[in-house]
PDB file of all heavy atoms in Angstrom:
ATOM      1  N   GLN A   1      47.583 180.809  86.327  1.00  0.00           N
ATOM      2  CA  GLN A   1      47.428 181.725  85.134  1.00  0.00           C
ATOM      3  C   GLN A   1      47.521 183.206  85.498  1.00  0.00           C
ATOM      4  O   GLN A   1      47.065 184.047  84.842  1.00  0.00           O
ATOM      5  CB  GLN A   1      45.964 181.341  84.630  1.00  0.00           C
ATOM      6  CG  GLN A   1      45.784 181.430  83.164  1.00  0.00           C
ATOM      7  CD  GLN A   1      44.419 180.998  82.787  1.00  0.00           C
ATOM      8  OE1 GLN A   1      43.601 180.468  83.461  1.00  0.00           O
ATOM      9  NE2 GLN A   1      44.172 181.072  81.432  1.00  0.00           N
ATOM     10  N   SER A   2      48.029 183.457  86.628  1.00  0.00           N
ATOM     11  CA  SER A   2      48.256 184.925  87.047  1.00  0.00           C
ATOM     12  C   SER A   2      49.659 185.121  87.411  1.00  0.00           C
ATOM     13  O   SER A   2      50.390 184.437  87.995  1.00  0.00           O
ATOM     14  CB  SER A   2      47.369 185.133  88.316  1.00  0.00           C
ATOM     15  OG  SER A   2      46.079 184.724  88.023  1.00  0.00           O
ATOM     16  N   ASN A   3      50.130 186.350  86.952  1.00  0.00           N
ATOM     17  CA  ASN A   3      51.520 186.824  87.324  1.00  0.00           C
ATOM     18  C   ASN A   3      51.485 187.124  88.836  1.00  0.00           C
ATOM     19  O   ASN A   3      50.545 187.520  89.495  1.00  0.00           O
ATOM     20  CB  ASN A   3      51.829 188.003  86.621  1.00  0.00           C
ATOM     21  CG  ASN A   3      52.340 187.711  85.158  1.00  0.00           C
ATOM     22  OD1 ASN A   3      53.134 186.777  84.919  1.00  0.00           O
ATOM     23  ND2 ASN A   3      51.815 188.444  84.126  1.00  0.00           N
ATOM     24  N   GLY A   4      52.724 187.054  89.374  1.00  0.00           N
ATOM     25  CA  GLY A   4      52.970 187.427  90.967  1.00  0.00           C
ATOM     26  C   GLY A   4      52.428 186.250  91.723  1.00  0.00           C
ATOM     27  O   GLY A   4      52.402 186.471  93.028  1.00  0.00           O
ATOM     28  N   ARG A   5      52.145 185.192  91.312  1.00  0.00           N
ATOM     29  CA  ARG A   5      51.713 183.973  92.057  1.00  0.00           C
ATOM     30  C   ARG A   5      52.432 182.785  91.721  1.00  0.00           C
ATOM     31  O   ARG A   5      53.101 182.747  90.752  1.00  0.00           O
ATOM     32  CB  ARG A   5      50.144 183.711  91.948  1.00  0.00           C
ATOM     33  CG  ARG A   5      49.324 184.834  92.436  1.00  0.00           C
ATOM     34  CD  ARG A   5      47.858 184.570  92.144  1.00  0.00           C
ATOM     35  NE  ARG A   5      46.911 185.491  92.663  1.00  0.00           N
ATOM     36  CZ  ARG A   5      45.523 185.498  92.655  1.00  0.00           C
ATOM     37  NH1 ARG A   5      45.015 184.407  91.984  1.00  0.00           N
ATOM     38  NH2 ARG A   5      44.753 186.314  93.083  1.00  0.00           N
ATOM     39  N   ARG A   6      52.338 181.840  92.589  1.00  0.00           N
ATOM     40  CA  ARG A   6      52.836 180.435  92.092  1.00  0.00           C
ATOM     41  C   ARG A   6      51.777 179.370  92.429  1.00  0.00           C
ATOM     42  O   ARG A   6      50.880 179.547  93.290  1.00  0.00           O
ATOM     43  CB  ARG A   6      54.129 180.184  92.998  1.00  0.00           C
ATOM     44  CG  ARG A   6      53.870 180.019  94.430  1.00  0.00           C
ATOM     45  CD  ARG A   6      55.043 179.244  95.150  1.00  0.00           C
ATOM     46  NE  ARG A   6      54.858 179.150  96.618  1.00  0.00           N
ATOM     47  CZ  ARG A   6      54.155 178.262  97.189  1.00  0.00           C
ATOM     48  NH1 ARG A   6      53.440 177.471  96.533  1.00  0.00           N
ATOM     49  NH2 ARG A   6      54.045 178.210  98.533  1.00  0.00           N
ATOM     50  N   PRO A   7      51.881 178.252  91.680  1.00  0.00           N
ATOM     51  CA  PRO A   7      50.944 177.202  91.943  1.00  0.00           C
ATOM     52  C   PRO A   7      50.903 176.622  93.418  1.00  0.00           C
ATOM     53  O   PRO A   7      51.893 176.709  94.069  1.00  0.00           O
ATOM     54  CB  PRO A   7      51.361 176.004  90.967  1.00  0.00           C
ATOM     55  CG  PRO A   7      52.201 176.756  89.988  1.00  0.00           C
ATOM     56  CD  PRO A   7      52.911 177.888  90.771  1.00  0.00           C
ATOM     57  N   PHE A   8      49.798 176.144  93.825  1.00  0.00           N
ATOM     58  CA  PHE A   8      49.801 175.429  95.118  1.00  0.00           C
ATOM     59  C   PHE A   8      50.571 174.143  95.018  1.00  0.00           C
ATOM     60  O   PHE A   8      50.293 173.282  94.068  1.00  0.00           O
ATOM     61  CB  PHE A   8      48.309 175.177  95.485  1.00  0.00           C
ATOM     62  CG  PHE A   8      47.536 176.305  95.946  1.00  0.00           C
ATOM     63  CD1 PHE A   8      46.758 176.979  95.138  1.00  0.00           C
ATOM     64  CD2 PHE A   8      47.616 176.722  97.253  1.00  0.00           C
ATOM     65  CE1 PHE A   8      45.983 178.011  95.427  1.00  0.00           C
ATOM     66  CE2 PHE A   8      46.811 177.848  97.701  1.00  0.00           C
ATOM     67  CZ  PHE A   8      46.056 178.484  96.782  1.00  0.00           C
ATOM     68  N   GLY A   9      51.455 173.971  95.953  1.00  0.00           N
ATOM     69  CA  GLY A   9      52.285 172.761  95.990  1.00  0.00           C
ATOM     70  C   GLY A   9      51.729 171.675  96.737  1.00  0.00           C
ATOM     71  O   GLY A   9      52.226 171.010  97.706  1.00  0.00           O
ATOM     72  N   ALA A  10      50.399 171.371  96.449  1.00  0.00           N
ATOM     73  CA  ALA A  10      49.763 170.313  97.265  1.00  0.00           C
ATOM     74  C   ALA A  10      48.657 169.517  96.244  1.00  0.00           C
ATOM     75  O   ALA A  10      48.066 170.204  95.554  1.00  0.00           O
ATOM     76  CB  ALA A  10      48.859 170.980  98.360  1.00  0.00           C
ATOM     77  N   SER A  11      48.604 168.264  96.565  1.00  0.00           N
ATOM     78  CA  SER A  11      47.627 167.461  95.848  1.00  0.00           C
ATOM     79  C   SER A  11      46.587 166.964  96.902  1.00  0.00           C
ATOM     80  O   SER A  11      46.985 166.548  97.954  1.00  0.00           O
ATOM     81  CB  SER A  11      48.303 166.260  95.112  1.00  0.00           C
ATOM     82  OG  SER A  11      47.336 165.369  94.543  1.00  0.00           O
ATOM     83  N   CYS A  12      45.305 167.007  96.569  1.00  0.00           N
ATOM     84  CA  CYS A  12      44.259 166.592  97.591  1.00  0.00           C
ATOM     85  C   CYS A  12      43.513 165.425  97.193  1.00  0.00           C
ATOM     86  O   CYS A  12      43.107 165.211  96.057  1.00  0.00           O
ATOM     87  CB  CYS A  12      43.332 167.868  97.800  1.00  0.00           C
ATOM     88  SG  CYS A  12      44.152 169.376  98.038  1.00  0.00           S
ATOM     89  N   ILE A  13      43.185 164.609  98.200  1.00  0.00           N
ATOM     90  CA  ILE A  13      42.247 163.512  97.926  1.00  0.00           C
ATOM     91  C   ILE A  13      40.981 163.975  98.826  1.00  0.00           C
ATOM     92  O   ILE A  13      41.050 163.966 100.048  1.00  0.00           O
ATOM     93  CB  ILE A  13      42.801 162.117  98.577  1.00  0.00           C
ATOM     94  CG1 ILE A  13      44.082 161.784  97.797  1.00  0.00           C
ATOM     95  CG2 ILE A  13      41.625 161.067  98.357  1.00  0.00           C
ATOM     96  CD1 ILE A  13      44.657 160.419  98.270  1.00  0.00           C
ATOM     97  N   ILE A  14      39.812 163.999  98.120  1.00  0.00           N
ATOM     98  CA  ILE A  14      38.644 164.500  98.705  1.00  0.00           C
ATOM     99  C   ILE A  14      37.623 163.396  98.752  1.00  0.00           C
ATOM    100  O   ILE A  14      37.319 162.869  97.693  1.00  0.00           O
ATOM    101  CB  ILE A  14      38.072 165.796  98.017  1.00  0.00           C
ATOM    102  CG1 ILE A  14      39.183 166.860  98.043  1.00  0.00           C
ATOM    103  CG2 ILE A  14      36.753 166.324  98.740  1.00  0.00           C
ATOM    104  CD1 ILE A  14      39.170 167.865  97.021  1.00  0.00           C
ATOM    105  N   ALA A  15      37.089 163.041  99.844  1.00  0.00           N
ATOM    106  CA  ALA A  15      36.129 161.981  99.922  1.00  0.00           C
ATOM    107  C   ALA A  15      35.002 162.303 100.880  1.00  0.00           C
ATOM    108  O   ALA A  15      35.044 163.259 101.762  1.00  0.00           O
ATOM    109  CB  ALA A  15      36.978 160.704 100.553  1.00  0.00           C
ATOM    110  N   GLY A  16      33.899 161.517 100.771  1.00  0.00           N
ATOM    111  CA  GLY A  16      32.805 161.666 101.588  1.00  0.00           C
ATOM    112  C   GLY A  16      31.549 161.237 100.782  1.00  0.00           C
ATOM    113  O   GLY A  16      31.609 160.387  99.934  1.00  0.00           O
ATOM    114  N   PHE A  17      30.339 161.753 101.338  1.00  0.00           N
ATOM    115  CA  PHE A  17      29.078 161.298 100.808  1.00  0.00           C
ATOM    116  C   PHE A  17      28.199 162.436 100.401  1.00  0.00           C
ATOM    117  O   PHE A  17      28.159 163.541 101.013  1.00  0.00           O
ATOM    118  CB  PHE A  17      28.218 160.507 101.912  1.00  0.00           C
ATOM    119  CG  PHE A  17      28.885 159.161 102.219  1.00  0.00           C
ATOM    120  CD1 PHE A  17      30.092 159.032 103.068  1.00  0.00           C
ATOM    121  CD2 PHE A  17      28.250 158.011 101.653  1.00  0.00           C
ATOM    122  CE1 PHE A  17      30.481 157.820 103.446  1.00  0.00           C
ATOM    123  CE2 PHE A  17      28.864 156.807 101.943  1.00  0.00           C
ATOM    124  CZ  PHE A  17      29.836 156.645 102.730  1.00  0.00           C
ATOM    125  N   ASP A  18      27.523 162.356  99.216  1.00  0.00           N
ATOM    126  CA  ASP A  18      26.522 163.327  98.763  1.00  0.00           C
ATOM    127  C   ASP A  18      25.359 163.246  99.690  1.00  0.00           C
ATOM    128  O   ASP A  18      25.143 162.262 100.404  1.00  0.00           O
ATOM    129  CB  ASP A  18      26.249 163.175  97.370  1.00  0.00           C
ATOM    130  CG  ASP A  18      27.292 163.672  96.342  1.00  0.00           C
ATOM    131  OD1 ASP A  18      28.179 164.422  96.852  1.00  0.00           O
ATOM    132  OD2 ASP A  18      27.158 163.341  95.226  1.00  0.00           O
ATOM    133  N   PRO A  19      24.427 164.300  99.574  1.00  0.00           N
ATOM    134  CA  PRO A  19      23.193 164.322 100.387  1.00  0.00           C
ATOM    135  C   PRO A  19      22.324 163.093 100.095  1.00  0.00           C
ATOM    136  O   PRO A  19      21.595 162.682 101.002  1.00  0.00           O
ATOM    137  CB  PRO A  19      22.477 165.596 100.028  1.00  0.00           C
ATOM    138  CG  PRO A  19      23.732 166.509  99.631  1.00  0.00           C
ATOM    139  CD  PRO A  19      24.680 165.665  99.046  1.00  0.00           C
ATOM    140  N   ASP A  20      22.560 162.545  98.930  1.00  0.00           N
ATOM    141  CA  ASP A  20      21.672 161.323  98.581  1.00  0.00           C
ATOM    142  C   ASP A  20      22.399 159.970  98.913  1.00  0.00           C
ATOM    143  O   ASP A  20      22.015 158.919  98.490  1.00  0.00           O
ATOM    144  CB  ASP A  20      21.456 161.186  97.040  1.00  0.00           C
ATOM    145  CG  ASP A  20      22.651 161.094  96.184  1.00  0.00           C
ATOM    146  OD1 ASP A  20      23.765 161.040  96.748  1.00  0.00           O
ATOM    147  OD2 ASP A  20      22.517 161.032  94.941  1.00  0.00           O
ATOM    148  N   SER A  21      23.366 160.092  99.740  1.00  0.00           N
ATOM    149  CA  SER A  21      24.150 159.010 100.475  1.00  0.00           C
ATOM    150  C   SER A  21      24.999 158.252  99.377  1.00  0.00           C
ATOM    151  O   SER A  21      25.491 157.129  99.603  1.00  0.00           O
ATOM    152  CB  SER A  21      23.213 157.951 100.981  1.00  0.00           C
ATOM    153  OG  SER A  21      22.430 158.517 102.087  1.00  0.00           O
ATOM    154  N   THR A  22      25.372 158.882  98.278  1.00  0.00           N
ATOM    155  CA  THR A  22      26.415 158.284  97.353  1.00  0.00           C
ATOM    156  C   THR A  22      27.775 158.579  97.682  1.00  0.00           C
ATOM    157  O   THR A  22      28.038 159.784  97.925  1.00  0.00           O
ATOM    158  CB  THR A  22      26.055 158.798  95.859  1.00  0.00           C
ATOM    159  OG1 THR A  22      24.759 158.646  95.545  1.00  0.00           O
ATOM    160  CG2 THR A  22      27.034 158.090  94.857  1.00  0.00           C
ATOM    161  N   PRO A  23      28.689 157.608  97.868  1.00  0.00           N
ATOM    162  CA  PRO A  23      30.037 157.838  98.189  1.00  0.00           C
ATOM    163  C   PRO A  23      30.922 158.325  97.005  1.00  0.00           C
ATOM    164  O   PRO A  23      30.596 157.885  95.844  1.00  0.00           O
ATOM    165  CB  PRO A  23      30.591 156.557  98.780  1.00  0.00           C
ATOM    166  CG  PRO A  23      29.829 155.655  98.050  1.00  0.00           C
ATOM    167  CD  PRO A  23      28.381 156.109  97.855  1.00  0.00           C
ATOM    168  N   HIS A  24      31.903 159.137  97.222  1.00  0.00           N
ATOM    169  CA  HIS A  24      32.638 159.779  96.146  1.00  0.00           C
ATOM    170  C   HIS A  24      34.183 159.825  96.645  1.00  0.00           C
ATOM    171  O   HIS A  24      34.411 160.044  97.845  1.00  0.00           O
ATOM    172  CB  HIS A  24      32.196 161.053  95.661  1.00  0.00           C
ATOM    173  CG  HIS A  24      30.941 160.984  94.926  1.00  0.00           C
ATOM    174  ND1 HIS A  24      30.750 160.548  93.668  1.00  0.00           N
ATOM    175  CD2 HIS A  24      29.637 161.348  95.360  1.00  0.00           C
ATOM    176  CE1 HIS A  24      29.506 160.737  93.320  1.00  0.00           C
ATOM    177  NE2 HIS A  24      28.773 161.104  94.307  1.00  0.00           N
ATOM    178  N   LEU A  25      34.998 159.777  95.719  1.00  0.00           N
ATOM    179  CA  LEU A  25      36.494 159.784  96.083  1.00  0.00           C
ATOM    180  C   LEU A  25      37.100 160.671  94.813  1.00  0.00           C
ATOM    181  O   LEU A  25      37.183 160.129  93.788  1.00  0.00           O
ATOM    182  CB  LEU A  25      37.179 158.548  96.288  1.00  0.00           C
ATOM    183  CG  LEU A  25      38.694 158.617  96.583  1.00  0.00           C
ATOM    184  CD1 LEU A  25      38.804 158.987  97.995  1.00  0.00           C
ATOM    185  CD2 LEU A  25      39.359 157.215  96.252  1.00  0.00           C
ATOM    186  N   TYR A  26      37.646 161.836  95.083  1.00  0.00           N
ATOM    187  CA  TYR A  26      38.179 162.669  94.029  1.00  0.00           C
ATOM    188  C   TYR A  26      39.652 162.980  94.365  1.00  0.00           C
ATOM    189  O   TYR A  26      40.002 162.987  95.600  1.00  0.00           O
ATOM    190  CB  TYR A  26      37.458 164.013  93.866  1.00  0.00           C
ATOM    191  CG  TYR A  26      36.098 163.873  93.356  1.00  0.00           C
ATOM    192  CD1 TYR A  26      34.888 163.796  94.191  1.00  0.00           C
ATOM    193  CD2 TYR A  26      35.884 163.908  92.059  1.00  0.00           C
ATOM    194  CE1 TYR A  26      33.628 163.676  93.583  1.00  0.00           C
ATOM    195  CE2 TYR A  26      34.559 163.896  91.379  1.00  0.00           C
ATOM    196  CZ  TYR A  26      33.434 163.787  92.232  1.00  0.00           C
ATOM    197  OH  TYR A  26      32.266 163.703  91.709  1.00  0.00           O
ATOM    198  N   VAL A  27      40.434 163.183  93.377  1.00  0.00           N
ATOM    199  CA  VAL A  27      41.876 163.646  93.442  1.00  0.00           C
ATOM    200  C   VAL A  27      42.036 164.877  92.680  1.00  0.00           C
ATOM    201  O   VAL A  27      41.586 165.004  91.498  1.00  0.00           O
ATOM    202  CB  VAL A  27      42.832 162.528  92.996  1.00  0.00           C
ATOM    203  CG1 VAL A  27      44.220 163.065  93.132  1.00  0.00           C
ATOM    204  CG2 VAL A  27      42.632 161.244  93.918  1.00  0.00           C
ATOM    205  N   THR A  28      42.631 165.994  93.278  1.00  0.00           N
ATOM    206  CA  THR A  28      43.092 167.137  92.432  1.00  0.00           C
ATOM    207  C   THR A  28      44.612 167.335  92.529  1.00  0.00           C
ATOM    208  O   THR A  28      45.179 166.890  93.555  1.00  0.00           O
ATOM    209  CB  THR A  28      42.415 168.349  93.051  1.00  0.00           C
ATOM    210  OG1 THR A  28      43.147 168.664  94.383  1.00  0.00           O
ATOM    211  CG2 THR A  28      40.926 168.298  93.411  1.00  0.00           C
ATOM    212  N   ASP A  29      45.174 167.869  91.541  1.00  0.00           N
ATOM    213  CA  ASP A  29      46.610 168.099  91.395  1.00  0.00           C
ATOM    214  C   ASP A  29      46.872 169.607  91.291  1.00  0.00           C
ATOM    215  O   ASP A  29      45.963 170.435  91.140  1.00  0.00           O
ATOM    216  CB  ASP A  29      47.301 167.309  90.320  1.00  0.00           C
ATOM    217  CG  ASP A  29      46.834 167.673  89.013  1.00  0.00           C
ATOM    218  OD1 ASP A  29      46.371 168.790  88.815  1.00  0.00           O
ATOM    219  OD2 ASP A  29      47.059 166.866  88.025  1.00  0.00           O
ATOM    220  N   PRO A  30      48.185 169.948  91.371  1.00  0.00           N
ATOM    221  CA  PRO A  30      48.469 171.454  91.374  1.00  0.00           C
ATOM    222  C   PRO A  30      48.059 172.217  90.073  1.00  0.00           C
ATOM    223  O   PRO A  30      47.914 173.376  90.175  1.00  0.00           O
ATOM    224  CB  PRO A  30      50.019 171.445  91.435  1.00  0.00           C
ATOM    225  CG  PRO A  30      50.348 170.183  92.283  1.00  0.00           C
ATOM    226  CD  PRO A  30      49.272 169.169  91.748  1.00  0.00           C
ATOM    227  N   SER A  31      47.881 171.443  89.027  1.00  0.00           N
ATOM    228  CA  SER A  31      47.356 172.124  87.778  1.00  0.00           C
ATOM    229  C   SER A  31      45.972 172.644  87.757  1.00  0.00           C
ATOM    230  O   SER A  31      45.519 173.362  86.993  1.00  0.00           O
ATOM    231  CB  SER A  31      47.698 171.164  86.544  1.00  0.00           C
ATOM    232  OG  SER A  31      46.721 170.103  86.605  1.00  0.00           O
ATOM    233  N   GLY A  32      45.142 172.028  88.745  1.00  0.00           N
ATOM    234  CA  GLY A  32      43.697 172.300  88.776  1.00  0.00           C
ATOM    235  C   GLY A  32      42.854 171.239  88.184  1.00  0.00           C
ATOM    236  O   GLY A  32      41.753 171.404  87.975  1.00  0.00           O
ATOM    237  N   THR A  33      43.500 170.164  87.794  1.00  0.00           N
ATOM    238  CA  THR A  33      42.717 168.964  87.187  1.00  0.00           C
ATOM    239  C   THR A  33      42.083 168.251  88.391  1.00  0.00           C
ATOM    240  O   THR A  33      42.693 168.072  89.426  1.00  0.00           O
ATOM    241  CB  THR A  33      43.644 168.098  86.420  1.00  0.00           C
ATOM    242  OG1 THR A  33      44.250 168.831  85.442  1.00  0.00           O
ATOM    243  CG2 THR A  33      42.848 166.926  85.853  1.00  0.00           C
ATOM    244  N   TYR A  34      40.805 167.681  88.093  1.00  0.00           N
ATOM    245  CA  TYR A  34      40.297 166.845  89.193  1.00  0.00           C
ATOM    246  C   TYR A  34      39.683 165.642  88.518  1.00  0.00           C
ATOM    247  O   TYR A  34      39.154 165.779  87.442  1.00  0.00           O
ATOM    248  CB  TYR A  34      39.282 167.545  90.056  1.00  0.00           C
ATOM    249  CG  TYR A  34      37.962 167.930  89.535  1.00  0.00           C
ATOM    250  CD1 TYR A  34      36.828 166.978  89.571  1.00  0.00           C
ATOM    251  CD2 TYR A  34      37.592 169.091  88.802  1.00  0.00           C
ATOM    252  CE1 TYR A  34      35.596 167.284  89.018  1.00  0.00           C
ATOM    253  CE2 TYR A  34      36.502 169.411  88.230  1.00  0.00           C
ATOM    254  CZ  TYR A  34      35.462 168.495  88.363  1.00  0.00           C
ATOM    255  OH  TYR A  34      34.226 168.824  87.807  1.00  0.00           O
TER     256      TYR A  34
END
């Protein structure tokens, strides 16, 4: 959304455990959606 920049060309898979021991698996894409 900013001039003079380009989007990040990377998609991330983020995984782990919350402090209450709940496991999670998230995916983000270059648009900023997760």
